[in-house]
Amino acid sequence: MANKTTPLVLPRTKPRNPLLVPGLTRRAGAHGKTRKAVRQQMRQRTQQCLDALMNGDKAEFEID
């Protein structure tokens, strides 16, 4: 009997997309201002209003 070897044929796989996996694991972040940012903005606005009052740029009754 003759031993005839049959070649092993493997199916070709598509190359892996390097952008797919990070895209699947990515999650959406916050879409609004954080509480920290709101507090910081309020602090800055208060400081600006106080500076304007002290410089005489704004009359007392003009404050929001």
Protein backbone atom coordinates (compact mmCIF):
# COMPACT_ATOMS: atom_id res chain seq x y z
CA MET A 1 0.00 0.00 0.00
CA ALA A 2 1.23 3.41 -0.85
CA ASN A 3 0.96 6.10 1.78
CA LYS A 4 -0.47 9.09 0.04
CA THR A 5 -0.34 12.32 2.06
CA THR A 6 -3.23 14.67 1.68
CA PRO A 7 -2.50 18.34 2.15
CA LEU A 8 -4.21 20.05 5.04
CA VAL A 9 -6.25 23.01 3.79
CA LEU A 10 -7.14 25.69 6.32
CA PRO A 11 -9.76 28.31 5.57
CA ARG A 12 -8.35 31.79 5.14
CA THR A 13 -9.34 34.22 7.84
CA LYS A 14 -9.91 37.89 7.23
CA PRO A 15 -7.31 40.20 8.74
CA ARG A 16 -8.32 41.63 12.11
CA ASN A 17 -9.55 45.22 12.08
CA PRO A 18 -7.43 47.10 14.69
CA LEU A 19 -10.14 49.73 15.18
CA LEU A 20 -12.99 47.34 15.91
CA VAL A 21 -12.11 46.19 19.43
CA PRO A 22 -11.43 49.67 20.89
CA GLY A 23 -14.66 50.86 19.28
CA LEU A 24 -16.67 48.12 20.95
CA THR A 25 -15.20 48.76 24.40
CA ARG A 26 -15.62 52.54 24.27
CA ARG A 27 -18.42 54.04 26.35
CA ALA A 28 -20.04 57.44 26.07
CA GLY A 29 -19.08 60.06 28.61
CA ALA A 30 -21.09 62.74 30.31
CA HIS A 31 -22.93 65.09 27.96
CA GLY A 32 -23.47 67.94 30.37
CA LYS A 33 -21.44 70.01 32.77
CA THR A 34 -20.28 68.21 35.86
CA ARG A 35 -21.18 69.53 39.30
CA LYS A 36 -17.58 70.55 39.77
CA ALA A 37 -17.64 72.66 36.58
CA VAL A 38 -20.92 74.32 37.61
CA ARG A 39 -19.52 75.21 41.05
CA GLN A 40 -16.37 76.59 39.47
CA GLN A 41 -18.38 78.74 37.06
CA MET A 42 -20.54 80.05 39.93
CA ARG A 43 -17.43 80.87 41.94
CA GLN A 44 -15.88 82.73 39.00
CA ARG A 45 -19.08 84.67 38.33
CA THR A 46 -19.38 85.67 41.98
CA GLN A 47 -15.76 86.84 42.00
CA GLN A 48 -16.29 88.84 38.79
CA CYS A 49 -19.41 90.49 40.22
CA LEU A 50 -17.58 91.39 43.43
CA ASP A 51 -14.66 92.83 41.47
CA ALA A 52 -17.05 94.89 39.35
CA LEU A 53 -18.78 96.22 42.49
CA MET A 54 -15.50 97.11 44.14
CA ASN A 55 -14.26 98.94 41.02
CA GLY A 56 -17.54 100.84 40.67
CA ASP A 57 -18.21 99.36 37.23
CA LYS A 58 -21.58 98.01 38.30
CA ALA A 59 -24.19 99.61 40.54
CA GLU A 60 -25.59 97.50 43.38
CA PHE A 61 -29.08 97.26 41.90
CA GLU A 62 -27.72 95.81 38.61
CA ILE A 63 -26.73 92.48 40.19
CA ASP A 64 -28.66 89.48 38.87
